[in-house]
Protein backbone atom coordinates (compact mmCIF):
# COMPACT_ATOMS: atom_id res chain seq x y z
CA UNK A 1 0.00 0.00 0.00
CA UNK A 2 2.92 2.30 0.65
CA UNK A 3 4.09 1.84 -2.93
CA UNK A 4 0.65 2.71 -4.30
CA UNK A 5 0.50 5.77 -2.06
CA UNK A 6 3.90 6.94 -3.24
CA UNK A 7 2.85 6.47 -6.86
CA UNK A 8 -0.36 8.46 -6.33
CA UNK A 9 1.68 11.48 -5.23
CA UNK A 10 2.58 11.99 -8.91
CA UNK A 11 -1.17 12.28 -9.71
CA UNK A 12 -1.20 9.68 -12.50
CA UNK A 13 -4.16 9.21 -14.82
CA UNK A 14 -3.50 5.45 -15.03
CA UNK A 15 -2.17 3.11 -12.36
CA UNK A 16 -0.35 -0.06 -13.46
CA UNK A 17 -0.65 -2.74 -10.78
CA UNK A 18 0.92 -6.21 -10.93
CA UNK A 19 -0.18 -8.79 -8.33
CA UNK A 20 -0.92 -6.14 -5.67
CA UNK A 21 -1.72 -8.64 -2.92
CA UNK A 22 0.94 -11.29 -3.47
CA UNK A 23 2.05 -12.50 -0.05
CA UNK A 24 -0.54 -10.49 1.91
CA UNK A 25 -3.02 -11.90 4.39
CA UNK A 26 -6.65 -12.13 3.30
CA UNK A 27 -7.53 -9.14 5.50
CA UNK A 28 -4.89 -6.88 3.95
CA UNK A 29 -5.70 -8.15 0.47
CA UNK A 30 -9.32 -7.04 0.94
CA UNK A 31 -8.11 -3.57 1.97
CA UNK A 32 -5.93 -3.28 -1.14
CA UNK A 33 -8.74 -4.29 -3.49
CA UNK A 34 -11.16 -1.93 -1.75
CA UNK A 35 -8.62 0.87 -2.11
CA UNK A 36 -8.29 0.12 -5.84
CA UNK A 37 -12.08 0.22 -6.24
CA UNK A 38 -12.21 3.54 -4.39
CA UNK A 39 -9.45 5.01 -6.56
CA UNK A 40 -11.28 3.89 -9.69
CA UNK A 41 -14.65 5.26 -8.59
CA UNK A 42 -13.80 8.31 -6.50
CA UNK A 43 -10.74 9.60 -8.35
CA UNK A 44 -11.68 8.35 -11.82
CA UNK A 45 -8.30 6.66 -12.03
CA UNK A 46 -7.69 4.16 -14.81
CA UNK A 47 -6.24 0.91 -13.50
CA UNK A 48 -4.42 -1.75 -15.47
CA UNK A 49 -4.41 -4.74 -13.13
CA UNK A 50 -2.51 -7.97 -13.66
CA UNK A 51 -3.67 -10.53 -11.15
CA UNK A 52 -4.29 -14.22 -10.61
CA UNK A 53 -6.99 -13.42 -8.04
CA UNK A 54 -9.79 -13.48 -10.62
CA UNK A 55 -12.47 -13.05 -7.96
CA UNK A 56 -11.13 -9.63 -7.01
CA UNK A 57 -9.99 -8.66 -10.49
CA UNK A 58 -13.52 -9.09 -11.84
CA UNK A 59 -14.81 -6.78 -9.10
CA UNK A 60 -12.48 -4.01 -10.30
CA UNK A 61 -12.49 -4.63 -14.06
CA UNK A 62 -14.37 -2.94 -16.85
CA UNK A 63 -12.65 -5.06 -19.48
CA UNK A 64 -10.97 -8.45 -19.04
CA UNK A 65 -8.19 -10.28 -20.83
CA UNK A 66 -7.56 -13.90 -19.83
CA UNK A 67 -4.07 -15.10 -20.68
CA UNK A 68 -2.90 -18.68 -20.84
CA UNK A 69 0.78 -19.39 -21.36
CA UNK A 70 1.29 -15.78 -22.46
CA UNK A 71 -1.44 -15.83 -25.09
CA UNK A 72 -4.82 -14.15 -25.07
CA UNK A 73 -7.38 -16.91 -24.49
CA UNK A 74 -10.53 -14.81 -23.86
CA UNK A 75 -11.37 -11.14 -23.69
CA UNK A 76 -14.35 -8.91 -23.35
CA UNK A 77 -16.25 -6.54 -21.12
CA UNK A 78 -16.60 -7.59 -17.49
CA UNK A 79 -20.31 -8.25 -18.10
CA UNK A 80 -19.36 -11.23 -20.33
CA UNK A 81 -17.74 -12.77 -17.27
CA UNK A 82 -20.61 -12.02 -14.88
CA UNK A 83 -21.66 -15.69 -14.52
CA UNK A 84 -18.10 -16.61 -13.63
CA UNK A 85 -17.92 -13.69 -11.21
CA UNK A 86 -21.14 -14.73 -9.48
CA UNK A 87 -19.93 -18.31 -9.14
CA UNK A 88 -16.65 -17.16 -7.67
CA UNK A 89 -18.20 -14.70 -5.22
CA UNK A 90 -20.62 -17.35 -3.92
CA UNK A 91 -17.99 -20.09 -3.76
C-alpha atoms as a PDB file:
ATOM      1  CA  UNK A   1       0.000   0.000   0.000  1.00  0.00           C
ATOM      2  CA  UNK A   2       2.922   2.300   0.647  1.00  0.00           C
ATOM      3  CA  UNK A   3       4.093   1.842  -2.932  1.00  0.00           C
ATOM      4  CA  UNK A   4       0.652   2.705  -4.304  1.00  0.00           C
ATOM      5  CA  UNK A   5       0.499   5.768  -2.057  1.00  0.00           C
ATOM      6  CA  UNK A   6       3.896   6.944  -3.239  1.00  0.00           C
ATOM      7  CA  UNK A   7       2.853   6.466  -6.855  1.00  0.00           C
ATOM      8  CA  UNK A   8      -0.356   8.456  -6.332  1.00  0.00           C
ATOM      9  CA  UNK A   9       1.675  11.480  -5.229  1.00  0.00           C
ATOM     10  CA  UNK A  10       2.578  11.985  -8.911  1.00  0.00           C
ATOM     11  CA  UNK A  11      -1.172  12.282  -9.714  1.00  0.00           C
ATOM     12  CA  UNK A  12      -1.198   9.683 -12.498  1.00  0.00           C
ATOM     13  CA  UNK A  13      -4.160   9.207 -14.819  1.00  0.00           C
ATOM     14  CA  UNK A  14      -3.496   5.451 -15.028  1.00  0.00           C
ATOM     15  CA  UNK A  15      -2.170   3.108 -12.362  1.00  0.00           C
ATOM     16  CA  UNK A  16      -0.352  -0.061 -13.457  1.00  0.00           C
ATOM     17  CA  UNK A  17      -0.647  -2.744 -10.780  1.00  0.00           C
ATOM     18  CA  UNK A  18       0.924  -6.209 -10.928  1.00  0.00           C
ATOM     19  CA  UNK A  19      -0.183  -8.785  -8.326  1.00  0.00           C
ATOM     20  CA  UNK A  20      -0.921  -6.145  -5.665  1.00  0.00           C
ATOM     21  CA  UNK A  21      -1.718  -8.643  -2.924  1.00  0.00           C
ATOM     22  CA  UNK A  22       0.941 -11.286  -3.467  1.00  0.00           C
ATOM     23  CA  UNK A  23       2.047 -12.504  -0.050  1.00  0.00           C
ATOM     24  CA  UNK A  24      -0.541 -10.489   1.907  1.00  0.00           C
ATOM     25  CA  UNK A  25      -3.024 -11.898   4.385  1.00  0.00           C
ATOM     26  CA  UNK A  26      -6.652 -12.126   3.304  1.00  0.00           C
ATOM     27  CA  UNK A  27      -7.533  -9.136   5.499  1.00  0.00           C
ATOM     28  CA  UNK A  28      -4.890  -6.876   3.955  1.00  0.00           C
ATOM     29  CA  UNK A  29      -5.700  -8.145   0.470  1.00  0.00           C
ATOM     30  CA  UNK A  30      -9.323  -7.040   0.939  1.00  0.00           C
ATOM     31  CA  UNK A  31      -8.110  -3.573   1.968  1.00  0.00           C
ATOM     32  CA  UNK A  32      -5.929  -3.279  -1.136  1.00  0.00           C
ATOM     33  CA  UNK A  33      -8.736  -4.287  -3.490  1.00  0.00           C
ATOM     34  CA  UNK A  34     -11.161  -1.928  -1.754  1.00  0.00           C
ATOM     35  CA  UNK A  35      -8.620   0.875  -2.114  1.00  0.00           C
ATOM     36  CA  UNK A  36      -8.291   0.122  -5.845  1.00  0.00           C
ATOM     37  CA  UNK A  37     -12.082   0.216  -6.240  1.00  0.00           C
ATOM     38  CA  UNK A  38     -12.207   3.536  -4.391  1.00  0.00           C
ATOM     39  CA  UNK A  39      -9.453   5.009  -6.565  1.00  0.00           C
ATOM     40  CA  UNK A  40     -11.280   3.890  -9.694  1.00  0.00           C
ATOM     41  CA  UNK A  41     -14.648   5.258  -8.593  1.00  0.00           C
ATOM     42  CA  UNK A  42     -13.797   8.309  -6.501  1.00  0.00           C
ATOM     43  CA  UNK A  43     -10.736   9.597  -8.346  1.00  0.00           C
ATOM     44  CA  UNK A  44     -11.680   8.352 -11.824  1.00  0.00           C
ATOM     45  CA  UNK A  45      -8.298   6.655 -12.027  1.00  0.00           C
ATOM     46  CA  UNK A  46      -7.687   4.161 -14.814  1.00  0.00           C
ATOM     47  CA  UNK A  47      -6.238   0.907 -13.500  1.00  0.00           C
ATOM     48  CA  UNK A  48      -4.419  -1.754 -15.475  1.00  0.00           C
ATOM     49  CA  UNK A  49      -4.408  -4.742 -13.134  1.00  0.00           C
ATOM     50  CA  UNK A  50      -2.507  -7.972 -13.662  1.00  0.00           C
ATOM     51  CA  UNK A  51      -3.668 -10.527 -11.149  1.00  0.00           C
ATOM     52  CA  UNK A  52      -4.288 -14.217 -10.610  1.00  0.00           C
ATOM     53  CA  UNK A  53      -6.988 -13.422  -8.043  1.00  0.00           C
ATOM     54  CA  UNK A  54      -9.787 -13.483 -10.619  1.00  0.00           C
ATOM     55  CA  UNK A  55     -12.472 -13.050  -7.964  1.00  0.00           C
ATOM     56  CA  UNK A  56     -11.125  -9.632  -7.013  1.00  0.00           C
ATOM     57  CA  UNK A  57      -9.993  -8.655 -10.494  1.00  0.00           C
ATOM     58  CA  UNK A  58     -13.524  -9.090 -11.844  1.00  0.00           C
ATOM     59  CA  UNK A  59     -14.807  -6.779  -9.104  1.00  0.00           C
ATOM     60  CA  UNK A  60     -12.478  -4.015 -10.299  1.00  0.00           C
ATOM     61  CA  UNK A  61     -12.485  -4.634 -14.057  1.00  0.00           C
ATOM     62  CA  UNK A  62     -14.373  -2.935 -16.849  1.00  0.00           C
ATOM     63  CA  UNK A  63     -12.653  -5.061 -19.480  1.00  0.00           C
ATOM     64  CA  UNK A  64     -10.973  -8.447 -19.038  1.00  0.00           C
ATOM     65  CA  UNK A  65      -8.190 -10.282 -20.829  1.00  0.00           C
ATOM     66  CA  UNK A  66      -7.559 -13.898 -19.834  1.00  0.00           C
ATOM     67  CA  UNK A  67      -4.070 -15.096 -20.679  1.00  0.00           C
ATOM     68  CA  UNK A  68      -2.899 -18.679 -20.839  1.00  0.00           C
ATOM     69  CA  UNK A  69       0.782 -19.389 -21.359  1.00  0.00           C
ATOM     70  CA  UNK A  70       1.286 -15.782 -22.455  1.00  0.00           C
ATOM     71  CA  UNK A  71      -1.435 -15.828 -25.089  1.00  0.00           C
ATOM     72  CA  UNK A  72      -4.817 -14.149 -25.065  1.00  0.00           C
ATOM     73  CA  UNK A  73      -7.376 -16.906 -24.488  1.00  0.00           C
ATOM     74  CA  UNK A  74     -10.526 -14.810 -23.863  1.00  0.00           C
ATOM     75  CA  UNK A  75     -11.368 -11.137 -23.693  1.00  0.00           C
ATOM     76  CA  UNK A  76     -14.351  -8.907 -23.347  1.00  0.00           C
ATOM     77  CA  UNK A  77     -16.253  -6.538 -21.119  1.00  0.00           C
ATOM     78  CA  UNK A  78     -16.601  -7.594 -17.493  1.00  0.00           C
ATOM     79  CA  UNK A  79     -20.309  -8.247 -18.097  1.00  0.00           C
ATOM     80  CA  UNK A  80     -19.365 -11.234 -20.327  1.00  0.00           C
ATOM     81  CA  UNK A  81     -17.742 -12.771 -17.275  1.00  0.00           C
ATOM     82  CA  UNK A  82     -20.611 -12.021 -14.884  1.00  0.00           C
ATOM     83  CA  UNK A  83     -21.658 -15.694 -14.521  1.00  0.00           C
ATOM     84  CA  UNK A  84     -18.096 -16.611 -13.625  1.00  0.00           C
ATOM     85  CA  UNK A  85     -17.919 -13.691 -11.215  1.00  0.00           C
ATOM     86  CA  UNK A  86     -21.143 -14.727  -9.483  1.00  0.00           C
ATOM     87  CA  UNK A  87     -19.934 -18.309  -9.142  1.00  0.00           C
ATOM     88  CA  UNK A  88     -16.647 -17.161  -7.665  1.00  0.00           C
ATOM     89  CA  UNK A  89     -18.200 -14.700  -5.218  1.00  0.00           C
ATOM     90  CA  UNK A  90     -20.619 -17.347  -3.917  1.00  0.00           C
ATOM     91  CA  UNK A  91     -17.993 -20.087  -3.758  1.00  0.00           C
END
